[in-house]
Amino acid sequence: MTEAHSLPDEPQPHNGTPDPSGSTSGDAEVDAALDDLFAPALAAVCFALNRSVTLGEAAAILGRNQSDLAQAAEYLAGTLRSGGLMLQRHQHELQLVTRPEVAWAVQRALTPEKPGRLSRAALETLAIVAYRQPLTRAAAEAIRGVNCEAVLDSLERRGLIVEVGRQDTPGHPRLFGTTLRFLQVVGLERIENLPPLPDGLAVPELPTADWDTTPGERLNHYLARHGVASRRGADALIEQGRVHVNGSPTRLGTLVHPVADHVTVDGKPIGEAVPLRTLVLNKPTGVVSTRTDPQRRHTVLDMVEDPRGLNPVGRLDADSRGLLLLSSDGALALRVTHPRYGITKRYRVTVEDHVPKAALRRITEGVHLDDGPARALEAHPVASTRTGEVVEVVMAEGRKREVRRLFAAAGLRVSDLCRVGVGPIQIGRLREGQARPLNAVEERALYEAVGLTPPKRNR
């Protein structure tokens, strides 16, 4: 019996004549010897393990480097092409499998469990991933025109696709690609062997869009624009961990891509973006200026027919009444309420007693309150009541109960407070408890007053 020889640690040197390229004929002989030696050894390893094997794992078993094993894999795949087996290769994974042409024989021998059938939606999505990989869920949806989240989850659970990376865009959405299992199902050696699509059939290219180069928008603004909550309310949802971007919890200040990122609140996808609109409400007393109230009091949104996306612009105390703007435009709301933009608020304040001129001077010259100095831009009587007077006051800011506290500091007792104007918007003859949209002239005037461009309307 011939004595078995152990595998050499390193190929032995060979003498040969250099060829014009600088290599030697001996080098070629060494490569051929390595192929003859390690290709059968690699086949034996794959057969014995009966599963996918990485190049690194095979290299460790055989005591060679990955470059040698990659060369041996190529050689082995070529030698197997005339037989009933083939070596599937996907990135750095290898597996020895039966060729589709003889699979019937193996099935008769083993009677394996039948794989579950794929739906048409799953087959379409799988084809898109196979021919366009790597791609995001949003890219697949842009091609198919429908939500693909559930289908991609199913394909991932079946092991047909896998996350292969993250896209370098705001939110870092997952990138999907096919797996070795996919090659096994379709009977291919490599993904490069995907057959060309029949004439007249093609996977559409991902449509280009303006968002391809935009930096994204802040998550709180995105949520407010979709009617989930005000920006401050959206920040609270984010801090509570109720908002996820592409399946992962997020944090304040996150930028999201309106198309590429998938945003959920409490596990539910958010709806379509709401249109930009602003309403004027004549708020009665007893109604709170919030979206919701833990004490279950009536809120200002209870007073409008369609409150989607609307948020109160500033506040009007529950025991005060009058003009309150409701808007779905967060940028507009911010500028209307920020003192820097100079939007004044006009009030009619009913005082129980006669108003001395000294008290009016003190109101306009300023007093010091608990939260800092406060003053009115204007203050003058406009009417008398049976027991007192009505004073019209113009304020440059709107801190909490500021008008009432300012009058109290001047020694005046307020019995009624009604806001009648915000910047260029007046309450007019709007009945208490009623709301109306801004007309074209009012909308343009308000936006221009805060330095914004009015939204385009189809008039």
Protein backbone atom coordinates (compact mmCIF):
# COMPACT_ATOMS: atom_id res chain seq x y z
CA MET A 1 0.00 0.00 0.00
CA THR A 2 1.29 3.37 -0.87
CA GLU A 3 2.09 5.51 2.17
CA ALA A 4 -0.23 8.52 2.56
CA HIS A 5 1.53 11.86 2.48
CA SER A 6 0.60 14.75 4.79
CA LEU A 7 -0.34 18.12 3.32
CA PRO A 8 2.68 20.36 2.92
CA ASP A 9 2.72 23.51 5.05
CA GLU A 10 4.11 25.54 2.15
CA PRO A 11 4.53 24.72 -1.54
CA GLN A 12 8.04 23.57 -2.31
CA PRO A 13 10.14 25.88 -4.49
CA HIS A 14 10.35 25.03 -8.16
CA ASN A 15 12.91 26.07 -10.69
CA GLY A 16 11.54 27.29 -13.95
CA THR A 17 12.18 29.52 -16.84
CA PRO A 18 10.73 33.03 -16.54
CA ASP A 19 8.05 33.91 -19.08
CA PRO A 20 7.73 37.40 -20.64
CA SER A 21 5.30 38.53 -17.89
CA GLY A 22 7.92 37.95 -15.19
CA SER A 23 6.33 34.81 -13.68
CA THR A 24 7.90 31.39 -14.02
CA SER A 25 6.59 28.16 -15.42
CA GLY A 26 7.34 26.76 -11.98
CA ASP A 27 4.81 29.19 -10.46
CA ALA A 28 2.12 27.85 -12.75
CA GLU A 29 3.07 24.31 -11.79
CA VAL A 30 2.76 25.24 -8.12
CA ASP A 31 -0.70 26.77 -8.68
CA ALA A 32 -1.84 23.66 -10.54
CA ALA A 33 -0.50 21.45 -7.77
CA LEU A 34 -2.31 23.49 -5.14
CA ASP A 35 -5.56 23.26 -7.10
CA ASP A 36 -5.19 19.48 -7.44
CA LEU A 37 -4.42 19.20 -3.74
CA PHE A 38 -6.80 21.63 -2.04
CA ALA A 39 -9.84 21.48 -4.33
CA PRO A 40 -10.64 17.86 -3.36
CA ALA A 41 -9.86 18.70 0.28
CA LEU A 42 -12.27 21.66 0.13
CA ALA A 43 -14.93 19.42 -1.44
CA ALA A 44 -14.47 16.91 1.38
CA VAL A 45 -14.85 19.63 4.03
CA CYS A 46 -18.03 21.01 2.44
CA PHE A 47 -19.45 17.50 2.09
CA ALA A 48 -18.65 16.53 5.68
CA LEU A 49 -20.09 19.69 7.23
CA ASN A 50 -23.19 19.61 5.00
CA ARG A 51 -23.78 23.33 5.42
CA SER A 52 -22.49 26.64 4.15
CA VAL A 53 -18.83 27.29 4.92
CA THR A 54 -17.00 30.61 4.88
CA LEU A 55 -13.63 30.95 3.18
CA GLY A 56 -12.15 31.92 6.53
CA GLU A 57 -13.52 28.78 8.19
CA ALA A 58 -12.27 26.52 5.40
CA ALA A 59 -8.87 28.21 5.45
CA ALA A 60 -8.58 27.58 9.19
CA ILE A 61 -9.52 23.90 8.76
CA LEU A 62 -7.06 23.29 5.94
CA GLY A 63 -4.30 25.51 7.28
CA ARG A 64 -4.13 27.76 4.24
CA ASN A 65 -4.82 31.42 3.54
CA GLN A 66 -8.13 32.60 2.11
CA SER A 67 -6.58 33.54 -1.21
CA ASP A 68 -5.50 29.93 -1.78
CA LEU A 69 -8.96 28.67 -0.80
CA ALA A 70 -10.68 31.14 -3.13
CA GLN A 71 -8.51 29.86 -5.98
CA ALA A 72 -9.25 26.26 -5.02
CA ALA A 73 -12.99 27.03 -4.90
CA GLU A 74 -12.90 28.39 -8.45
CA TYR A 75 -11.05 25.28 -9.61
CA LEU A 76 -13.44 22.95 -7.76
CA ALA A 77 -16.51 24.67 -9.22
CA GLY A 78 -15.11 24.10 -12.72
CA THR A 79 -14.40 20.42 -12.15
CA LEU A 80 -17.91 19.82 -10.79
CA ARG A 81 -19.77 21.30 -13.76
CA SER A 82 -20.02 17.97 -15.55
CA GLY A 83 -21.36 16.11 -12.51
CA GLY A 84 -24.44 16.10 -10.30
CA LEU A 85 -23.03 18.53 -7.71
CA MET A 86 -22.13 22.19 -7.84
CA LEU A 87 -20.33 24.56 -5.52
CA GLN A 88 -22.45 27.61 -4.76
CA ARG A 89 -20.50 30.77 -3.94
CA HIS A 90 -21.97 33.95 -2.49
CA GLN A 91 -19.57 36.61 -1.28
CA HIS A 92 -17.39 34.66 1.22
CA GLU A 93 -19.74 31.66 1.66
CA LEU A 94 -19.52 28.25 -0.04
CA GLN A 95 -21.79 25.23 -0.06
CA LEU A 96 -21.75 21.94 -1.95
CA VAL A 97 -25.25 21.20 -3.27
CA THR A 98 -27.10 19.00 -5.77
CA ARG A 99 -27.63 20.36 -9.25
CA PRO A 100 -31.28 21.13 -10.11
CA GLU A 101 -31.22 18.64 -13.00
CA VAL A 102 -30.77 15.72 -10.61
CA ALA A 103 -32.70 17.13 -7.65
CA TRP A 104 -35.54 14.71 -8.36
CA ALA A 105 -33.28 11.82 -7.42
CA VAL A 106 -32.36 13.37 -4.12
CA GLN A 107 -36.00 14.22 -3.43
CA ARG A 108 -36.99 10.60 -4.02
CA ALA A 109 -34.25 9.45 -1.70
CA LEU A 110 -34.86 11.89 1.10
CA THR A 111 -38.47 13.08 0.51
CA PRO A 112 -37.70 16.43 2.13
CA GLU A 113 -40.31 18.76 3.50
CA LYS A 114 -41.77 20.97 0.82
CA PRO A 115 -40.88 24.64 1.17
CA GLY A 116 -43.77 27.03 1.62
CA ARG A 117 -45.03 28.72 -1.51
CA LEU A 118 -44.25 32.39 -2.01
CA SER A 119 -47.05 34.81 -2.78
CA ARG A 120 -46.99 36.89 -5.93
CA ALA A 121 -46.14 39.97 -3.84
CA ALA A 122 -43.23 38.10 -2.24
CA LEU A 123 -41.94 36.88 -5.62
CA GLU A 124 -42.12 40.40 -7.07
CA THR A 125 -40.30 41.90 -4.10
CA LEU A 126 -37.70 39.12 -4.09
CA ALA A 127 -37.02 39.72 -7.79
CA ILE A 128 -36.56 43.45 -7.15
CA VAL A 129 -34.05 42.73 -4.37
CA ALA A 130 -32.21 40.18 -6.50
CA TYR A 131 -31.84 42.42 -9.56
CA ARG A 132 -31.35 45.76 -7.76
CA GLN A 133 -29.44 44.80 -4.57
CA PRO A 134 -28.43 46.34 -2.32
CA LEU A 135 -31.52 48.49 -1.84
CA THR A 136 -33.69 49.91 0.96
CA ARG A 137 -37.27 49.14 1.78
CA ALA A 138 -38.24 52.58 0.52
CA ALA A 139 -36.49 51.89 -2.79
CA ALA A 140 -38.39 48.61 -3.20
CA GLU A 141 -41.64 50.42 -2.41
CA ALA A 142 -40.83 53.15 -4.93
CA ILE A 143 -40.46 50.46 -7.61
CA ARG A 144 -43.51 48.37 -6.62
CA GLY A 145 -45.67 51.32 -5.63
CA VAL A 146 -46.96 49.64 -2.44
CA ASN A 147 -45.83 49.13 1.15
CA CYS A 148 -43.28 46.29 1.28
CA GLU A 149 -42.55 46.15 5.01
CA ALA A 150 -44.48 42.94 5.75
CA VAL A 151 -43.23 41.19 2.60
CA LEU A 152 -39.59 42.03 3.33
CA ASP A 153 -40.02 40.81 6.92
CA SER A 154 -41.40 37.50 5.59
CA LEU A 155 -38.55 37.08 3.08
CA GLU A 156 -36.03 37.84 5.82
CA ARG A 157 -37.59 35.26 8.15
CA ARG A 158 -37.40 32.66 5.36
CA GLY A 159 -33.70 33.40 4.97
CA LEU A 160 -34.04 34.55 1.36
CA ILE A 161 -32.83 38.11 2.03
CA VAL A 162 -30.68 39.66 4.74
CA GLU A 163 -29.50 43.08 5.86
CA VAL A 164 -26.21 43.76 4.07
CA GLY A 165 -25.56 47.25 5.41
CA ARG A 166 -26.99 50.68 6.11
CA GLN A 167 -27.49 53.49 3.61
CA ASP A 168 -25.46 56.62 4.32
CA THR A 169 -28.47 58.94 4.48
CA PRO A 170 -30.40 60.48 7.40
CA GLY A 171 -31.87 57.69 9.52
CA HIS A 172 -29.47 55.12 7.98
CA PRO A 173 -32.14 52.78 6.52
CA ARG A 174 -31.35 49.08 6.14
CA LEU A 175 -29.99 47.76 2.84
CA PHE A 176 -31.21 44.33 1.73
CA GLY A 177 -29.55 41.68 -0.44
CA THR A 178 -30.13 38.02 -1.29
CA THR A 179 -28.59 35.08 0.57
CA LEU A 180 -27.07 31.69 -0.16
CA ARG A 181 -30.48 30.22 0.62
CA PHE A 182 -31.88 32.26 -2.27
CA LEU A 183 -29.34 30.66 -4.62
CA GLN A 184 -30.39 27.24 -3.36
CA VAL A 185 -34.07 27.95 -4.00
CA VAL A 186 -33.52 29.21 -7.54
CA GLY A 187 -30.77 26.70 -8.34
CA LEU A 188 -27.92 29.06 -9.19
CA GLU A 189 -24.20 28.84 -8.47
CA ARG A 190 -23.71 32.58 -8.06
CA ILE A 191 -25.89 35.70 -8.05
CA GLU A 192 -24.09 36.82 -11.22
CA ASN A 193 -25.76 33.88 -12.98
CA LEU A 194 -29.22 35.42 -12.68
CA PRO A 195 -30.81 34.96 -16.09
CA PRO A 196 -31.57 38.06 -18.16
CA LEU A 197 -35.18 39.13 -18.03
CA PRO A 198 -37.34 38.25 -21.07
CA ASP A 199 -37.69 40.83 -23.81
CA GLY A 200 -40.12 43.56 -22.83
CA LEU A 201 -39.83 42.82 -19.10
CA ALA A 202 -37.60 44.81 -16.78
CA VAL A 203 -37.35 45.73 -13.12
CA PRO A 204 -37.98 49.50 -13.17
CA GLU A 205 -35.18 51.75 -12.09
CA LEU A 206 -35.66 53.58 -8.81
CA PRO A 207 -37.24 56.92 -9.75
CA THR A 208 -35.11 59.93 -8.98
CA ALA A 209 -36.60 62.50 -6.64
CA ASP A 210 -35.79 65.78 -5.02
CA TRP A 211 -35.05 64.02 -1.73
CA ASP A 212 -32.02 62.25 -3.18
CA THR A 213 -29.82 65.23 -2.30
CA THR A 214 -31.77 66.93 0.50
CA PRO A 215 -30.36 66.70 4.04
CA GLY A 216 -33.67 65.63 5.59
CA GLU A 217 -35.80 67.36 8.23
CA ARG A 218 -35.90 67.25 12.00
CA LEU A 219 -38.03 64.43 13.33
CA ASN A 220 -40.19 66.67 15.53
CA HIS A 221 -40.97 68.88 12.53
CA TYR A 222 -41.76 65.78 10.44
CA LEU A 223 -44.18 64.48 13.10
CA ALA A 224 -45.84 67.87 13.45
CA ARG A 225 -46.22 68.15 9.68
CA HIS A 226 -48.00 64.79 9.68
CA GLY A 227 -50.42 65.84 12.39
CA VAL A 228 -49.03 63.56 15.12
CA ALA A 229 -48.36 66.33 17.66
CA SER A 230 -46.93 69.79 18.00
CA ARG A 231 -43.15 70.05 17.88
CA ARG A 232 -42.99 70.16 21.66
CA GLY A 233 -45.39 67.23 21.88
CA ALA A 234 -43.32 65.32 19.31
CA ASP A 235 -40.20 65.90 21.42
CA ALA A 236 -42.01 64.37 24.39
CA LEU A 237 -42.97 61.30 22.31
CA ILE A 238 -39.36 60.89 21.17
CA GLU A 239 -38.00 61.17 24.74
CA GLN A 240 -40.54 58.55 25.88
CA GLY A 241 -39.15 56.09 23.32
CA ARG A 242 -42.45 55.86 21.45
CA VAL A 243 -41.01 56.97 18.11
CA HIS A 244 -38.96 54.58 15.95
CA VAL A 245 -37.09 55.30 12.71
CA ASN A 246 -36.46 52.28 10.48
CA GLY A 247 -37.36 49.98 13.37
CA SER A 248 -34.98 51.49 15.93
CA PRO A 249 -35.60 53.91 18.81
CA THR A 250 -34.43 57.43 18.08
CA ARG A 251 -33.49 60.61 19.92
CA LEU A 252 -34.06 64.35 19.86
CA GLY A 253 -32.54 66.15 16.90
CA THR A 254 -32.69 63.16 14.53
CA LEU A 255 -32.95 64.04 10.84
CA VAL A 256 -35.28 61.89 8.73
CA HIS A 257 -35.76 61.49 5.03
CA PRO A 258 -39.43 61.92 4.03
CA VAL A 259 -39.21 59.03 1.52
CA ALA A 260 -36.24 56.86 2.51
CA ASP A 261 -37.08 56.53 6.23
CA HIS A 262 -39.91 54.62 7.87
CA VAL A 263 -41.26 56.38 10.97
CA THR A 264 -43.67 54.80 13.47
CA VAL A 265 -45.28 56.02 16.68
CA ASP A 266 -46.30 53.33 19.17
CA GLY A 267 -45.57 50.78 16.45
CA LYS A 268 -47.97 52.32 13.93
CA PRO A 269 -46.92 54.07 10.71
CA ILE A 270 -47.86 57.72 10.62
CA GLY A 271 -50.32 58.98 8.04
CA GLU A 272 -49.93 61.32 5.12
CA ALA A 273 -48.66 64.83 5.66
CA VAL A 274 -51.49 67.22 6.47
CA PRO A 275 -52.05 70.32 4.34
CA LEU A 276 -50.85 73.68 5.65
CA ARG A 277 -53.82 75.63 6.98
CA THR A 278 -54.54 78.16 9.69
CA LEU A 279 -57.87 78.81 11.41
CA VAL A 280 -59.18 81.63 13.57
CA LEU A 281 -61.10 80.44 16.64
CA ASN A 282 -63.18 82.55 19.00
CA LYS A 283 -62.43 80.58 22.16
CA PRO A 284 -65.00 80.64 24.98
CA THR A 285 -63.99 80.61 28.65
CA GLY A 286 -63.63 77.18 30.21
CA VAL A 287 -61.91 75.70 27.13
CA VAL A 288 -58.20 74.85 27.40
CA SER A 289 -55.68 75.74 24.69
CA THR A 290 -54.16 72.26 24.28
CA ARG A 291 -54.64 69.28 21.97
CA THR A 292 -55.63 66.97 24.82
CA ASP A 293 -56.34 67.43 28.51
CA PRO A 294 -55.72 64.83 31.28
CA GLN A 295 -58.66 66.30 33.24
CA ARG A 296 -60.92 65.68 30.21
CA ARG A 297 -61.89 69.33 29.86
CA HIS A 298 -62.95 70.66 26.49
CA THR A 299 -60.00 71.64 24.31
CA VAL A 300 -59.81 74.08 21.45
CA LEU A 301 -59.53 71.17 18.99
CA ASP A 302 -62.93 69.92 20.15
CA MET A 303 -64.36 73.09 18.61
CA VAL A 304 -63.29 72.47 15.01
CA GLU A 305 -64.79 69.96 12.60
CA ASP A 306 -61.51 68.62 11.21
CA PRO A 307 -58.64 69.01 13.74
CA ARG A 308 -56.07 66.88 11.85
CA GLY A 309 -52.64 68.43 12.17
CA LEU A 310 -53.85 71.57 13.91
CA ASN A 311 -52.09 72.92 16.98
CA PRO A 312 -52.84 75.99 19.11
CA VAL A 313 -50.59 78.91 18.23
CA GLY A 314 -49.64 80.07 21.70
CA ARG A 315 -52.05 79.94 24.61
CA LEU A 316 -55.12 81.66 25.91
CA ASP A 317 -55.92 80.88 29.55
CA ALA A 318 -58.98 78.77 30.31
CA ASP A 319 -60.66 81.74 32.04
CA SER A 320 -59.89 84.04 29.09
CA ARG A 321 -61.64 84.16 25.74
CA GLY A 322 -61.26 85.47 22.24
CA LEU A 323 -58.97 85.02 19.26
CA LEU A 324 -56.75 81.95 19.09
CA LEU A 325 -55.02 80.77 15.93
CA LEU A 326 -54.91 77.05 15.13
CA SER A 327 -52.36 76.02 12.52
CA SER A 328 -50.71 72.94 10.99
CA ASP A 329 -47.69 75.06 9.99
CA GLY A 330 -45.09 74.70 12.74
CA ALA A 331 -42.79 77.34 11.26
CA LEU A 332 -45.60 79.88 11.22
CA ALA A 333 -46.65 79.03 14.79
CA LEU A 334 -43.08 79.42 16.04
CA ARG A 335 -42.67 82.87 14.51
CA VAL A 336 -46.07 84.15 15.60
CA THR A 337 -45.33 83.26 19.22
CA HIS A 338 -41.66 84.29 19.37
CA PRO A 339 -41.16 87.92 20.49
CA ARG A 340 -38.28 88.33 18.04
CA TYR A 341 -40.70 88.50 15.10
CA GLY A 342 -42.71 91.38 16.60
CA ILE A 343 -46.24 89.94 16.29
CA THR A 344 -48.33 91.90 18.76
CA LYS A 345 -51.42 90.67 20.61
CA ARG A 346 -54.34 92.99 21.28
CA TYR A 347 -56.67 92.49 24.27
CA ARG A 348 -59.82 94.06 25.68
CA VAL A 349 -59.50 93.90 29.48
CA THR A 350 -62.52 94.61 31.66
CA VAL A 351 -61.53 96.08 35.04
CA GLU A 352 -63.87 96.15 38.03
CA ASP A 353 -63.00 99.70 39.08
CA HIS A 354 -62.12 103.04 37.56
CA VAL A 355 -58.62 102.96 36.03
CA PRO A 356 -56.34 105.76 37.26
CA LYS A 357 -53.91 107.29 34.76
CA ALA A 358 -51.06 106.33 37.10
CA ALA A 359 -52.04 102.67 36.75
CA LEU A 360 -52.02 102.97 32.94
CA ARG A 361 -48.56 104.58 33.08
CA ARG A 362 -47.30 101.77 35.27
CA ILE A 363 -48.66 99.19 32.81
CA THR A 364 -46.88 100.81 29.85
CA GLU A 365 -43.69 101.80 31.68
CA GLY A 366 -43.30 98.30 33.10
CA VAL A 367 -43.32 96.34 36.33
CA HIS A 368 -41.21 93.48 37.63
CA LEU A 369 -42.99 90.10 37.80
CA ASP A 370 -41.80 86.79 39.18
CA ASP A 371 -40.51 85.73 35.77
CA GLY A 372 -38.95 89.06 34.80
CA PRO A 373 -39.96 92.55 33.69
CA ALA A 374 -43.24 93.05 31.83
CA ARG A 375 -44.91 95.98 30.07
CA ALA A 376 -47.59 96.77 27.54
CA LEU A 377 -46.82 98.63 24.31
CA GLU A 378 -50.16 100.44 24.57
CA ALA A 379 -52.88 100.74 27.21
CA HIS A 380 -55.89 103.07 27.01
CA PRO A 381 -59.56 102.97 28.04
CA VAL A 382 -62.05 102.31 25.24
CA ALA A 383 -65.34 101.89 27.10
CA SER A 384 -67.06 102.13 30.48
CA THR A 385 -69.09 99.46 32.24
CA ARG A 386 -71.61 99.78 35.05
CA THR A 387 -68.88 99.11 37.63
CA GLY A 388 -65.61 99.78 35.84
CA GLU A 389 -63.84 100.27 32.51
CA VAL A 390 -62.62 98.37 29.45
CA VAL A 391 -58.93 98.90 28.62
CA GLU A 392 -57.41 97.97 25.28
CA VAL A 393 -53.89 96.62 25.71
CA VAL A 394 -51.26 95.73 23.12
CA MET A 395 -48.56 93.24 24.18
CA ALA A 396 -45.33 92.28 22.43
CA GLU A 397 -45.17 88.84 24.04
CA GLY A 398 -47.52 86.36 25.65
CA ARG A 399 -46.10 84.79 28.79
CA LYS A 400 -48.38 82.75 31.00
CA ARG A 401 -51.20 84.96 32.38
CA GLU A 402 -48.97 87.96 31.74
CA VAL A 403 -51.76 90.49 31.15
CA ARG A 404 -53.62 89.53 34.32
CA ARG A 405 -50.43 89.64 36.39
CA LEU A 406 -49.43 92.99 34.87
CA PHE A 407 -52.80 94.53 35.77
CA ALA A 408 -52.65 93.02 39.27
CA ALA A 409 -49.21 94.58 39.78
CA ALA A 410 -50.75 97.94 38.81
CA GLY A 411 -53.49 97.48 41.46
CA LEU A 412 -56.30 96.59 39.02
CA ARG A 413 -58.75 93.70 39.32
CA VAL A 414 -59.60 91.99 36.01
CA SER A 415 -63.09 90.54 35.57
CA ASP A 416 -62.85 89.63 31.87
CA LEU A 417 -60.08 89.30 29.30
CA CYS A 418 -60.74 88.95 25.58
CA ARG A 419 -58.07 88.76 22.87
CA VAL A 420 -59.26 90.58 19.77
CA GLY A 421 -56.19 90.58 17.53
CA VAL A 422 -52.96 88.74 16.71
CA GLY A 423 -50.75 90.71 14.35
CA PRO A 424 -52.79 91.55 11.24
CA ILE A 425 -55.56 89.06 12.17
CA GLN A 426 -58.67 90.44 13.90
CA ILE A 427 -61.51 88.52 15.49
CA GLY A 428 -64.14 90.69 13.79
CA ARG A 429 -67.69 89.39 14.06
CA LEU A 430 -66.77 85.74 14.51
CA ARG A 431 -69.20 84.27 17.01
CA GLU A 432 -67.93 82.72 20.24
CA GLY A 433 -67.21 79.03 19.84
CA GLN A 434 -66.92 79.30 16.04
CA ALA A 435 -63.85 78.85 13.83
CA ARG A 436 -63.05 79.84 10.27
CA PRO A 437 -60.04 79.54 7.95
CA LEU A 438 -57.95 82.58 7.14
CA ASN A 439 -58.97 84.20 3.90
CA ALA A 440 -56.37 84.82 1.18
CA VAL A 441 -55.66 88.39 2.27
CA GLU A 442 -55.28 87.45 5.94
CA GLU A 443 -53.06 84.47 5.18
CA ARG A 444 -50.72 86.50 3.01
CA ALA A 445 -50.56 89.31 5.57
CA LEU A 446 -49.76 86.93 8.45
CA TYR A 447 -47.05 85.03 6.59
CA GLU A 448 -45.42 88.22 5.35
CA ALA A 449 -45.54 89.71 8.85
CA VAL A 450 -43.28 86.90 10.12
CA GLY A 451 -41.06 86.78 7.03
CA LEU A 452 -42.41 83.56 5.49
CA THR A 453 -43.72 82.78 2.02
CA PRO A 454 -47.43 81.93 2.04
CA PRO A 455 -48.31 78.39 0.91
CA LYS A 456 -49.39 78.06 -2.70
CA ARG A 457 -53.11 77.59 -3.14
CA ASN A 458 -55.17 76.46 -6.11
CA ARG A 459 -57.63 79.31 -6.13
